[in-house]
């Protein structure tokens, strides 16, 4: 079964950090572009960070310098390290191999 499973979300105070993890099964992430998206309350789902199979990365302007996407090709996992969190980062975060494969999402809530 091909699936992505996120973990690591939770409640954190503003200024804090979290690391999200995405475990893949049935698909080799090292061969794919993978991405993290988020959907805040009442908002559309938007791209947060993307990592290509060739090693390139790009980030939404709102998270540049605060978030880092990384991979562990041995463990077949992708991570999103988030720091200097603020309440505007509150959202459900999704791991994806766009456009068709998505995880179930993990909630991140940042309190002020």
PDB file of N, CA and C in Angstrom:
ATOM      1  N   UNK A   1       0.843  -1.193   0.000  1.00  0.00           N
ATOM      2  CA  UNK A   1       0.000   0.000   0.000  1.00  0.00           C
ATOM      3  C   UNK A   1       0.879   1.243   0.000  1.00  0.00           C
ATOM      4  N   UNK A   2       0.601   2.141  -0.916  1.00  0.00           N
ATOM      5  CA  UNK A   2       1.352   3.382  -1.006  1.00  0.00           C
ATOM      6  C   UNK A   2       0.717   4.400  -0.063  1.00  0.00           C
ATOM      7  N   UNK A   3       1.505   4.904   0.865  1.00  0.00           N
ATOM      8  CA  UNK A   3       0.958   5.906   1.765  1.00  0.00           C
ATOM      9  C   UNK A   3       2.042   6.758   2.386  1.00  0.00           C
ATOM     10  N   UNK A   4       1.615   7.902   2.852  1.00  0.00           N
ATOM     11  CA  UNK A   4       2.451   8.840   3.602  1.00  0.00           C
ATOM     12  C   UNK A   4       1.792   9.057   4.955  1.00  0.00           C
ATOM     13  N   UNK A   5       2.583   9.026   6.001  1.00  0.00           N
ATOM     14  CA  UNK A   5       2.051   9.209   7.344  1.00  0.00           C
ATOM     15  C   UNK A   5       2.864  10.276   8.058  1.00  0.00           C
ATOM     16  N   UNK A   6       2.191  11.361   8.416  1.00  0.00           N
ATOM     17  CA  UNK A   6       2.851  12.458   9.114  1.00  0.00           C
ATOM     18  C   UNK A   6       2.771  12.259  10.619  1.00  0.00           C
ATOM     19  N   UNK A   7       3.718  12.844  11.305  1.00  0.00           N
ATOM     20  CA  UNK A   7       3.706  12.873  12.766  1.00  0.00           C
ATOM     21  C   UNK A   7       4.508  14.078  13.229  1.00  0.00           C
ATOM     22  N   UNK A   8       4.380  14.384  14.514  1.00  0.00           N
ATOM     23  CA  UNK A   8       5.188  15.442  15.097  1.00  0.00           C
ATOM     24  C   UNK A   8       4.461  16.742  15.361  1.00  0.00           C
ATOM     25  N   UNK A   9       3.211  16.827  14.953  1.00  0.00           N
ATOM     26  CA  UNK A   9       2.469  18.037  15.226  1.00  0.00           C
ATOM     27  C   UNK A   9       2.136  18.176  16.701  1.00  0.00           C
ATOM     28  N   UNK A  10       1.599  19.321  17.051  1.00  0.00           N
ATOM     29  CA  UNK A  10       1.221  19.538  18.433  1.00  0.00           C
ATOM     30  C   UNK A  10       1.022  20.998  18.737  1.00  0.00           C
ATOM     31  N   UNK A  11       0.969  21.300  20.029  1.00  0.00           N
ATOM     32  CA  UNK A  11       0.782  22.660  20.509  1.00  0.00           C
ATOM     33  C   UNK A  11       2.126  23.198  20.974  1.00  0.00           C
ATOM     34  N   UNK A  12       2.464  24.396  20.509  1.00  0.00           N
ATOM     35  CA  UNK A  12       3.732  25.014  20.873  1.00  0.00           C
ATOM     36  C   UNK A  12       3.512  26.503  21.068  1.00  0.00           C
ATOM     37  N   UNK A  13       4.290  27.100  21.925  1.00  0.00           N
ATOM     38  CA  UNK A  13       4.197  28.540  22.136  1.00  0.00           C
ATOM     39  C   UNK A  13       4.920  29.289  21.026  1.00  0.00           C
ATOM     40  N   UNK A  14       4.480  30.498  20.800  1.00  0.00           N
ATOM     41  CA  UNK A  14       5.136  31.351  19.815  1.00  0.00           C
ATOM     42  C   UNK A  14       6.629  31.444  20.129  1.00  0.00           C
ATOM     43  N   UNK A  15       7.423  31.358  19.071  1.00  0.00           N
ATOM     44  CA  UNK A  15       8.871  31.360  19.226  1.00  0.00           C
ATOM     45  C   UNK A  15       9.477  29.984  19.345  1.00  0.00           C
ATOM     46  N   UNK A  16       8.637  28.989  19.512  1.00  0.00           N
ATOM     47  CA  UNK A  16       9.114  27.625  19.686  1.00  0.00           C
ATOM     48  C   UNK A  16       9.389  26.916  18.375  1.00  0.00           C
ATOM     49  N   UNK A  17       9.743  25.642  18.504  1.00  0.00           N
ATOM     50  CA  UNK A  17      10.112  24.824  17.349  1.00  0.00           C
ATOM     51  C   UNK A  17       9.386  23.492  17.385  1.00  0.00           C
ATOM     52  N   UNK A  18       9.216  22.930  16.207  1.00  0.00           N
ATOM     53  CA  UNK A  18       8.677  21.587  16.049  1.00  0.00           C
ATOM     54  C   UNK A  18       9.344  20.950  14.840  1.00  0.00           C
ATOM     55  N   UNK A  19       9.425  19.626  14.873  1.00  0.00           N
ATOM     56  CA  UNK A  19       9.871  18.908  13.697  1.00  0.00           C
ATOM     57  C   UNK A  19       8.790  17.924  13.277  1.00  0.00           C
ATOM     58  N   UNK A  20       8.334  18.095  12.065  1.00  0.00           N
ATOM     59  CA  UNK A  20       7.360  17.172  11.500  1.00  0.00           C
ATOM     60  C   UNK A  20       8.094  16.081  10.728  1.00  0.00           C
ATOM     61  N   UNK A  21       7.542  14.887  10.803  1.00  0.00           N
ATOM     62  CA  UNK A  21       8.098  13.750  10.088  1.00  0.00           C
ATOM     63  C   UNK A  21       7.052  13.179   9.140  1.00  0.00           C
ATOM     64  N   UNK A  22       7.530  12.623   8.058  1.00  0.00           N
ATOM     65  CA  UNK A  22       6.656  11.985   7.079  1.00  0.00           C
ATOM     66  C   UNK A  22       7.297  10.658   6.678  1.00  0.00           C
ATOM     67  N   UNK A  23       6.631   9.585   7.015  1.00  0.00           N
ATOM     68  CA  UNK A  23       7.116   8.243   6.694  1.00  0.00           C
ATOM     69  C   UNK A  23       6.386   7.729   5.465  1.00  0.00           C
ATOM     70  N   UNK A  24       7.155   7.240   4.519  1.00  0.00           N
ATOM     71  CA  UNK A  24       6.572   6.744   3.270  1.00  0.00           C
ATOM     72  C   UNK A  24       6.670   5.235   3.210  1.00  0.00           C
ATOM     73  N   UNK A  25       5.648   4.635   2.636  1.00  0.00           N
ATOM     74  CA  UNK A  25       5.682   3.201   2.352  1.00  0.00           C
ATOM     75  C   UNK A  25       5.121   2.977   0.958  1.00  0.00           C
ATOM     76  N   UNK A  26       5.702   2.000   0.275  1.00  0.00           N
ATOM     77  CA  UNK A  26       5.234   1.671  -1.066  1.00  0.00           C
ATOM     78  C   UNK A  26       5.721   2.598  -2.152  1.00  0.00           C
ATOM     79  N   UNK A  27       6.600   3.522  -1.803  1.00  0.00           N
ATOM     80  CA  UNK A  27       7.125   4.479  -2.765  1.00  0.00           C
ATOM     81  C   UNK A  27       8.500   4.916  -2.278  1.00  0.00           C
ATOM     82  N   UNK A  28       9.425   5.070  -3.219  1.00  0.00           N
ATOM     83  CA  UNK A  28      10.774   5.513  -2.867  1.00  0.00           C
ATOM     84  C   UNK A  28      10.844   7.041  -2.988  1.00  0.00           C
ATOM     85  N   UNK A  29      10.905   7.698  -1.862  1.00  0.00           N
ATOM     86  CA  UNK A  29      10.898   9.158  -1.881  1.00  0.00           C
ATOM     87  C   UNK A  29      12.122   9.738  -2.562  1.00  0.00           C
ATOM     88  N   UNK A  30      13.227   9.027  -2.550  1.00  0.00           N
ATOM     89  CA  UNK A  30      14.456   9.577  -3.125  1.00  0.00           C
ATOM     90  C   UNK A  30      14.320   9.804  -4.622  1.00  0.00           C
ATOM     91  N   UNK A  31      13.321   9.178  -5.239  1.00  0.00           N
ATOM     92  CA  UNK A  31      13.118   9.330  -6.672  1.00  0.00           C
ATOM     93  C   UNK A  31      12.084  10.393  -7.009  1.00  0.00           C
ATOM     94  N   UNK A  32      11.541  11.020  -5.987  1.00  0.00           N
ATOM     95  CA  UNK A  32      10.395  11.899  -6.172  1.00  0.00           C
ATOM     96  C   UNK A  32      10.627  13.306  -5.624  1.00  0.00           C
ATOM     97  N   UNK A  33       9.884  14.229  -6.164  1.00  0.00           N
ATOM     98  CA  UNK A  33       9.730  15.521  -5.509  1.00  0.00           C
ATOM     99  C   UNK A  33       8.727  15.346  -4.377  1.00  0.00           C
ATOM    100  N   UNK A  34       9.108  15.814  -3.216  1.00  0.00           N
ATOM    101  CA  UNK A  34       8.213  15.742  -2.060  1.00  0.00           C
ATOM    102  C   UNK A  34       8.005  17.148  -1.526  1.00  0.00           C
ATOM    103  N   UNK A  35       6.902  17.320  -0.848  1.00  0.00           N
ATOM    104  CA  UNK A  35       6.555  18.665  -0.404  1.00  0.00           C
ATOM    105  C   UNK A  35       5.757  18.620   0.883  1.00  0.00           C
ATOM    106  N   UNK A  36       5.790  19.727   1.571  1.00  0.00           N
ATOM    107  CA  UNK A  36       4.916  19.988   2.718  1.00  0.00           C
ATOM    108  C   UNK A  36       3.981  21.127   2.334  1.00  0.00           C
ATOM    109  N   UNK A  37       2.716  20.897   2.610  1.00  0.00           N
ATOM    110  CA  UNK A  37       1.685  21.911   2.426  1.00  0.00           C
ATOM    111  C   UNK A  37       1.040  22.168   3.778  1.00  0.00           C
ATOM    112  N   UNK A  38       0.307  23.254   3.870  1.00  0.00           N
ATOM    113  CA  UNK A  38      -0.470  23.507   5.071  1.00  0.00           C
ATOM    114  C   UNK A  38      -1.780  24.176   4.723  1.00  0.00           C
ATOM    115  N   UNK A  39      -2.739  23.957   5.601  1.00  0.00           N
ATOM    116  CA  UNK A  39      -4.051  24.567   5.443  1.00  0.00           C
ATOM    117  C   UNK A  39      -4.481  25.126   6.787  1.00  0.00           C
ATOM    118  N   UNK A  40      -4.489  26.442   6.859  1.00  0.00           N
ATOM    119  CA  UNK A  40      -4.906  27.109   8.082  1.00  0.00           C
ATOM    120  C   UNK A  40      -6.425  27.209   8.166  1.00  0.00           C
ATOM    121  N   UNK A  41      -6.944  27.578   9.324  1.00  0.00           N
ATOM    122  CA  UNK A  41      -8.398  27.688   9.508  1.00  0.00           C
ATOM    123  C   UNK A  41      -9.018  28.657   8.510  1.00  0.00           C
ATOM    124  N   UNK A  42      -9.952  28.174   7.730  1.00  0.00           N
ATOM    125  CA  UNK A  42     -10.636  29.016   6.761  1.00  0.00           C
ATOM    126  C   UNK A  42      -9.801  29.426   5.566  1.00  0.00           C
ATOM    127  N   UNK A  43      -8.685  28.737   5.377  1.00  0.00           N
ATOM    128  CA  UNK A  43      -7.785  29.108   4.288  1.00  0.00           C
ATOM    129  C   UNK A  43      -7.611  27.941   3.313  1.00  0.00           C
ATOM    130  N   UNK A  44      -7.067  28.264   2.160  1.00  0.00           N
ATOM    131  CA  UNK A  44      -6.759  27.231   1.189  1.00  0.00           C
ATOM    132  C   UNK A  44      -5.449  26.537   1.548  1.00  0.00           C
ATOM    133  N   UNK A  45      -5.299  25.327   1.046  1.00  0.00           N
ATOM    134  CA  UNK A  45      -4.059  24.611   1.224  1.00  0.00           C
ATOM    135  C   UNK A  45      -2.972  25.259   0.368  1.00  0.00           C
ATOM    136  N   UNK A  46      -1.814  25.508   0.962  1.00  0.00           N
ATOM    137  CA  UNK A  46      -0.735  26.178   0.251  1.00  0.00           C
ATOM    138  C   UNK A  46       0.576  25.432   0.442  1.00  0.00           C
ATOM    139  N   UNK A  47       1.458  25.619  -0.511  1.00  0.00           N
ATOM    140  CA  UNK A  47       2.779  25.001  -0.452  1.00  0.00           C
ATOM    141  C   UNK A  47       3.627  25.697   0.608  1.00  0.00           C
ATOM    142  N   UNK A  48       4.304  24.901   1.423  1.00  0.00           N
ATOM    143  CA  UNK A  48       5.213  25.429   2.429  1.00  0.00           C
ATOM    144  C   UNK A  48       6.660  25.224   1.990  1.00  0.00           C
ATOM    145  N   UNK A  49       6.992  24.016   1.584  1.00  0.00           N
ATOM    146  CA  UNK A  49       8.359  23.700   1.196  1.00  0.00           C
ATOM    147  C   UNK A  49       8.348  22.510   0.259  1.00  0.00           C
ATOM    148  N   UNK A  50       9.360  22.476  -0.603  1.00  0.00           N
ATOM    149  CA  UNK A  50       9.435  21.411  -1.591  1.00  0.00           C
ATOM    150  C   UNK A  50      10.880  20.978  -1.739  1.00  0.00           C
ATOM    151  N   UNK A  51      11.068  19.694  -1.948  1.00  0.00           N
ATOM    152  CA  UNK A  51      12.409  19.140  -2.144  1.00  0.00           C
ATOM    153  C   UNK A  51      12.365  18.235  -3.370  1.00  0.00           C
ATOM    154  N   UNK A  52      13.234  18.518  -4.326  1.00  0.00           N
ATOM    155  CA  UNK A  52      13.268  17.700  -5.536  1.00  0.00           C
ATOM    156  C   UNK A  52      14.205  16.507  -5.365  1.00  0.00           C
ATOM    157  N   UNK A  53      14.070  15.550  -6.229  1.00  0.00           N
ATOM    158  CA  UNK A  53      14.940  14.372  -6.170  1.00  0.00           C
ATOM    159  C   UNK A  53      16.391  14.746  -6.438  1.00  0.00           C
ATOM    160  N   UNK A  54      16.610  15.862  -7.124  1.00  0.00           N
ATOM    161  CA  UNK A  54      17.965  16.313  -7.415  1.00  0.00           C
ATOM    162  C   UNK A  54      18.606  17.122  -6.305  1.00  0.00           C
ATOM    163  N   UNK A  55      17.843  17.361  -5.251  1.00  0.00           N
ATOM    164  CA  UNK A  55      18.408  18.058  -4.100  1.00  0.00           C
ATOM    165  C   UNK A  55      18.008  19.521  -3.974  1.00  0.00           C
ATOM    166  N   UNK A  56      17.275  20.016  -4.939  1.00  0.00           N
ATOM    167  CA  UNK A  56      16.832  21.396  -4.842  1.00  0.00           C
ATOM    168  C   UNK A  56      15.700  21.568  -3.851  1.00  0.00           C
ATOM    169  N   UNK A  57      15.647  22.745  -3.258  1.00  0.00           N
ATOM    170  CA  UNK A  57      14.571  23.051  -2.324  1.00  0.00           C
ATOM    171  C   UNK A  57      14.018  24.434  -2.626  1.00  0.00           C
ATOM    172  N   UNK A  58      12.766  24.631  -2.296  1.00  0.00           N
ATOM    173  CA  UNK A  58      12.216  25.972  -2.328  1.00  0.00           C
ATOM    174  C   UNK A  58      11.155  26.086  -1.238  1.00  0.00           C
ATOM    175  N   UNK A  59      10.921  27.319  -0.821  1.00  0.00           N
ATOM    176  CA  UNK A  59      10.088  27.605   0.335  1.00  0.00           C
ATOM    177  C   UNK A  59       9.129  28.746   0.043  1.00  0.00           C
ATOM    178  N   UNK A  60       7.996  28.703   0.711  1.00  0.00           N
ATOM    179  CA  UNK A  60       7.104  29.845   0.690  1.00  0.00           C
ATOM    180  C   UNK A  60       7.815  31.022   1.354  1.00  0.00           C
ATOM    181  N   UNK A  61       7.547  32.217   0.869  1.00  0.00           N
ATOM    182  CA  UNK A  61       8.200  33.400   1.434  1.00  0.00           C
ATOM    183  C   UNK A  61       7.949  33.517   2.929  1.00  0.00           C
ATOM    184  N   UNK A  62       6.775  33.095   3.357  1.00  0.00           N
ATOM    185  CA  UNK A  62       6.387  33.261   4.761  1.00  0.00           C
ATOM    186  C   UNK A  62       7.199  32.389   5.715  1.00  0.00           C
ATOM    187  N   UNK A  63       7.892  31.375   5.189  1.00  0.00           N
ATOM    188  CA  UNK A  63       8.629  30.477   6.075  1.00  0.00           C
ATOM    189  C   UNK A  63      10.122  30.479   5.800  1.00  0.00           C
ATOM    190  N   UNK A  64      10.565  31.201   4.807  1.00  0.00           N
ATOM    191  CA  UNK A  64      11.995  31.230   4.482  1.00  0.00           C
ATOM    192  C   UNK A  64      12.818  31.670   5.689  1.00  0.00           C
ATOM    193  N   UNK A  65      13.878  30.935   5.918  1.00  0.00           N
ATOM    194  CA  UNK A  65      14.746  31.253   7.048  1.00  0.00           C
ATOM    195  C   UNK A  65      14.275  30.672   8.362  1.00  0.00           C
ATOM    196  N   UNK A  66      13.056  30.142   8.397  1.00  0.00           N
ATOM    197  CA  UNK A  66      12.525  29.556   9.648  1.00  0.00           C
ATOM    198  C   UNK A  66      12.286  28.053   9.521  1.00  0.00           C
ATOM    199  N   UNK A  67      11.925  27.601   8.340  1.00  0.00           N
ATOM    200  CA  UNK A  67      11.604  26.194   8.105  1.00  0.00           C
ATOM    201  C   UNK A  67      12.666  25.568   7.211  1.00  0.00           C
ATOM    202  N   UNK A  68      12.917  24.292   7.437  1.00  0.00           N
ATOM    203  CA  UNK A  68      13.860  23.554   6.611  1.00  0.00           C
ATOM    204  C   UNK A  68      13.282  22.183   6.277  1.00  0.00           C
ATOM    205  N   UNK A  69      13.250  21.868   4.997  1.00  0.00           N
ATOM    206  CA  UNK A  69      12.812  20.538   4.556  1.00  0.00           C
ATOM    207  C   UNK A  69      14.054  19.685   4.345  1.00  0.00           C
ATOM    208  N   UNK A  70      13.971  18.444   4.766  1.00  0.00           N
ATOM    209  CA  UNK A  70      15.110  17.549   4.597  1.00  0.00           C
ATOM    210  C   UNK A  70      14.602  16.129   4.378  1.00  0.00           C
ATOM    211  N   UNK A  71      15.510  15.284   3.920  1.00  0.00           N
ATOM    212  CA  UNK A  71      15.166  13.899   3.637  1.00  0.00           C
ATOM    213  C   UNK A  71      16.121  12.943   4.327  1.00  0.00           C
ATOM    214  N   UNK A  72      15.637  11.765   4.602  1.00  0.00           N
ATOM    215  CA  UNK A  72      16.477  10.641   4.983  1.00  0.00           C
ATOM    216  C   UNK A  72      16.147   9.527   4.005  1.00  0.00           C
ATOM    217  N   UNK A  73      16.982   9.387   2.994  1.00  0.00           N
ATOM    218  CA  UNK A  73      16.663   8.416   1.945  1.00  0.00           C
ATOM    219  C   UNK A  73      16.819   6.974   2.423  1.00  0.00           C
ATOM    220  N   UNK A  74      17.603   6.759   3.434  1.00  0.00           N
ATOM    221  CA  UNK A  74      17.736   5.400   3.980  1.00  0.00           C
ATOM    222  C   UNK A  74      16.447   4.999   4.698  1.00  0.00           C
ATOM    223  N   UNK A  75      15.939   5.913   5.507  1.00  0.00           N
ATOM    224  CA  UNK A  75      14.709   5.645   6.248  1.00  0.00           C
ATOM    225  C   UNK A  75      13.456   5.918   5.416  1.00  0.00           C
ATOM    226  N   UNK A  76      13.649   6.493   4.228  1.00  0.00           N
ATOM    227  CA  UNK A  76      12.522   6.821   3.345  1.00  0.00           C
ATOM    228  C   UNK A  76      11.558   7.789   4.030  1.00  0.00           C
ATOM    229  N   UNK A  77      12.150   8.844   4.592  1.00  0.00           N
ATOM    230  CA  UNK A  77      11.366   9.823   5.325  1.00  0.00           C
ATOM    231  C   UNK A  77      11.711  11.237   4.901  1.00  0.00           C
ATOM    232  N   UNK A  78      10.784  12.126   5.149  1.00  0.00           N
ATOM    233  CA  UNK A  78      10.975  13.548   4.904  1.00  0.00           C
ATOM    234  C   UNK A  78      10.616  14.288   6.178  1.00  0.00           C
ATOM    235  N   UNK A  79      11.319  15.367   6.427  1.00  0.00           N
ATOM    236  CA  UNK A  79      11.118  16.137   7.646  1.00  0.00           C
ATOM    237  C   UNK A  79      10.864  17.603   7.321  1.00  0.00           C
ATOM    238  N   UNK A  80      10.211  18.258   8.240  1.00  0.00           N
ATOM    239  CA  UNK A  80      10.066  19.707   8.170  1.00  0.00           C
ATOM    240  C   UNK A  80      10.425  20.249   9.542  1.00  0.00           C
ATOM    241  N   UNK A  81      11.587  20.860   9.617  1.00  0.00           N
ATOM    242  CA  UNK A  81      12.018  21.509  10.861  1.00  0.00           C
ATOM    243  C   UNK A  81      11.480  22.925  10.855  1.00  0.00           C
ATOM    244  N   UNK A  82      10.725  23.256  11.880  1.00  0.00           N
ATOM    245  CA  UNK A  82      10.096  24.561  11.965  1.00  0.00           C
ATOM    246  C   UNK A  82      10.581  25.276  13.215  1.00  0.00           C
ATOM    247  N   UNK A  83      11.025  26.494  13.051  1.00  0.00           N
ATOM    248  CA  UNK A  83      11.486  27.271  14.189  1.00  0.00           C
ATOM    249  C   UNK A  83      10.877  28.662  14.138  1.00  0.00           C
ATOM    250  N   UNK A  84      11.057  29.396  15.219  1.00  0.00           N
ATOM    251  CA  UNK A  84      10.486  30.750  15.345  1.00  0.00           C
ATOM    252  C   UNK A  84       9.012  30.748  14.934  1.00  0.00           C
ATOM    253  N   UNK A  85       8.293  29.781  15.435  1.00  0.00           N
ATOM    254  CA  UNK A  85       6.885  29.642  15.072  1.00  0.00           C
ATOM    255  C   UNK A  85       6.070  30.810  15.611  1.00  0.00           C
ATOM    256  N   UNK A  86       5.069  31.172  14.851  1.00  0.00           N
ATOM    257  CA  UNK A  86       4.144  32.220  15.267  1.00  0.00           C
ATOM    258  C   UNK A  86       2.716  31.739  15.031  1.00  0.00           C
ATOM    259  N   UNK A  87       1.738  32.405  15.609  1.00  0.00           N
ATOM    260  CA  UNK A  87       0.352  31.919  15.489  1.00  0.00           C
ATOM    261  C   UNK A  87      -0.129  31.771  14.043  1.00  0.00           C
ATOM    262  N   UNK A  88       0.453  32.549  13.130  1.00  0.00           N
ATOM    263  CA  UNK A  88       0.054  32.430  11.721  1.00  0.00           C
ATOM    264  C   UNK A  88       0.496  31.105  11.097  1.00  0.00           C
ATOM    265  N   UNK A  89       1.361  30.379  11.780  1.00  0.00           N
ATOM    266  CA  UNK A  89       1.781  29.061  11.306  1.00  0.00           C
ATOM    267  C   UNK A  89       0.811  27.962  11.714  1.00  0.00           C
ATOM    268  N   UNK A  90      -0.192  28.312  12.503  1.00  0.00           N
ATOM    269  CA  UNK A  90      -1.187  27.323  12.910  1.00  0.00           C
ATOM    270  C   UNK A  90      -1.928  26.783  11.688  1.00  0.00           C
ATOM    271  N   UNK A  91      -1.908  25.457  11.536  1.00  0.00           N
ATOM    272  CA  UNK A  91      -2.501  24.838  10.355  1.00  0.00           C
ATOM    273  C   UNK A  91      -2.406  23.332  10.486  1.00  0.00           C
ATOM    274  N   UNK A  92      -3.112  22.656   9.592  1.00  0.00           N
ATOM    275  CA  UNK A  92      -2.859  21.236   9.385  1.00  0.00           C
ATOM    276  C   UNK A  92      -1.784  21.134   8.313  1.00  0.00           C
ATOM    277  N   UNK A  93      -0.748  20.390   8.622  1.00  0.00           N
ATOM    278  CA  UNK A  93       0.384  20.241   7.710  1.00  0.00           C
ATOM    279  C   UNK A  93       0.313  18.876   7.039  1.00  0.00           C
ATOM    280  N   UNK A  94       0.491  18.896   5.726  1.00  0.00           N
ATOM    281  CA  UNK A  94       0.385  17.692   4.921  1.00  0.00           C
ATOM    282  C   UNK A  94       1.698  17.411   4.199  1.00  0.00           C
ATOM    283  N   UNK A  95       2.109  16.186   4.238  1.00  0.00           N
ATOM    284  CA  UNK A  95       3.206  15.701   3.415  1.00  0.00           C
ATOM    285  C   UNK A  95       2.606  15.222   2.096  1.00  0.00           C
ATOM    286  N   UNK A  96       3.334  15.446   1.011  1.00  0.00           N
ATOM    287  CA  UNK A  96       2.785  15.061  -0.285  1.00  0.00           C
ATOM    288  C   UNK A  96       3.878  14.699  -1.268  1.00  0.00           C
ATOM    289  N   UNK A  97       3.523  13.791  -2.164  1.00  0.00           N
ATOM    290  CA  UNK A  97       4.246  13.593  -3.416  1.00  0.00           C
ATOM    291  C   UNK A  97       3.261  14.090  -4.463  1.00  0.00           C
ATOM    292  N   UNK A  98       3.363  15.375  -4.751  1.00  0.00           N
ATOM    293  CA  UNK A  98       2.316  15.981  -5.572  1.00  0.00           C
ATOM    294  C   UNK A  98       2.326  15.437  -6.993  1.00  0.00           C
ATOM    295  N   UNK A  99       1.198  15.384  -7.635  1.00  0.00           N
ATOM    296  CA  UNK A  99      -0.069  15.942  -7.162  1.00  0.00           C
ATOM    297  C   UNK A  99      -1.031  14.940  -6.537  1.00  0.00           C
ATOM    298  N   UNK A 100      -0.678  13.651  -6.537  1.00  0.00           N
ATOM    299  CA  UNK A 100      -1.715  12.667  -6.235  1.00  0.00           C
ATOM    300  C   UNK A 100      -1.591  11.984  -4.879  1.00  0.00           C
ATOM    301  N   UNK A 101      -0.432  11.985  -4.272  1.00  0.00           N
ATOM    302  CA  UNK A 101      -0.251  11.240  -3.030  1.00  0.00           C
ATOM    303  C   UNK A 101      -0.118  12.205  -1.868  1.00  0.00           C
ATOM    304  N   UNK A 102      -1.003  12.027  -0.869  1.00  0.00           N
ATOM    305  CA  UNK A 102      -1.049  12.939   0.279  1.00  0.00           C
ATOM    306  C   UNK A 102      -1.159  12.140   1.559  1.00  0.00           C
ATOM    307  N   UNK A 103      -0.577  12.690   2.609  1.00  0.00           N
ATOM    308  CA  UNK A 103      -0.791  12.127   3.925  1.00  0.00           C
ATOM    309  C   UNK A 103      -2.095  12.627   4.514  1.00  0.00           C
ATOM    310  N   UNK A 104      -2.355  12.170   5.739  1.00  0.00           N
ATOM    311  CA  UNK A 104      -3.615  12.532   6.378  1.00  0.00           C
ATOM    312  C   UNK A 104      -3.537  13.865   7.097  1.00  0.00           C
ATOM    313  N   UNK A 105      -2.337  14.362   7.293  1.00  0.00           N
ATOM    314  CA  UNK A 105      -2.161  15.657   7.930  1.00  0.00           C
ATOM    315  C   UNK A 105      -1.875  15.554   9.408  1.00  0.00           C
ATOM    316  N   UNK A 106      -1.169  16.552   9.916  1.00  0.00           N
ATOM    317  CA  UNK A 106      -0.895  16.653  11.344  1.00  0.00           C
ATOM    318  C   UNK A 106      -1.111  18.101  11.771  1.00  0.00           C
ATOM    319  N   UNK A 107      -1.780  18.271  12.890  1.00  0.00           N
ATOM    320  CA  UNK A 107      -2.153  19.610  13.354  1.00  0.00           C
ATOM    321  C   UNK A 107      -0.994  20.267  14.082  1.00  0.00           C
ATOM    322  N   UNK A 108      -0.733  21.497  13.703  1.00  0.00           N
ATOM    323  CA  UNK A 108       0.231  22.344  14.413  1.00  0.00           C
ATOM    324  C   UNK A 108      -0.521  23.567  14.917  1.00  0.00           C
ATOM    325  N   UNK A 109      -0.448  23.790  16.207  1.00  0.00           N
ATOM    326  CA  UNK A 109      -1.101  24.942  16.805  1.00  0.00           C
ATOM    327  C   UNK A 109      -0.065  25.749  17.560  1.00  0.00           C
ATOM    328  N   UNK A 110       0.033  27.029  17.219  1.00  0.00           N
ATOM    329  CA  UNK A 110       0.999  27.917  17.866  1.00  0.00           C
ATOM    330  C   UNK A 110       0.226  28.933  18.696  1.00  0.00           C
ATOM    331  N   UNK A 111       0.484  28.935  19.970  1.00  0.00           N
ATOM    332  CA  UNK A 111      -0.210  29.851  20.865  1.00  0.00           C
ATOM    333  C   UNK A 111       0.610  31.117  21.058  1.00  0.00           C
ATOM    334  N   UNK A 112      -0.094  32.211  21.248  1.00  0.00           N
ATOM    335  CA  UNK A 112       0.602  33.498  21.417  1.00  0.00           C
ATOM    336  C   UNK A 112       0.925  33.757  22.876  1.00  0.00           C
TER     337      UNK A 112
END
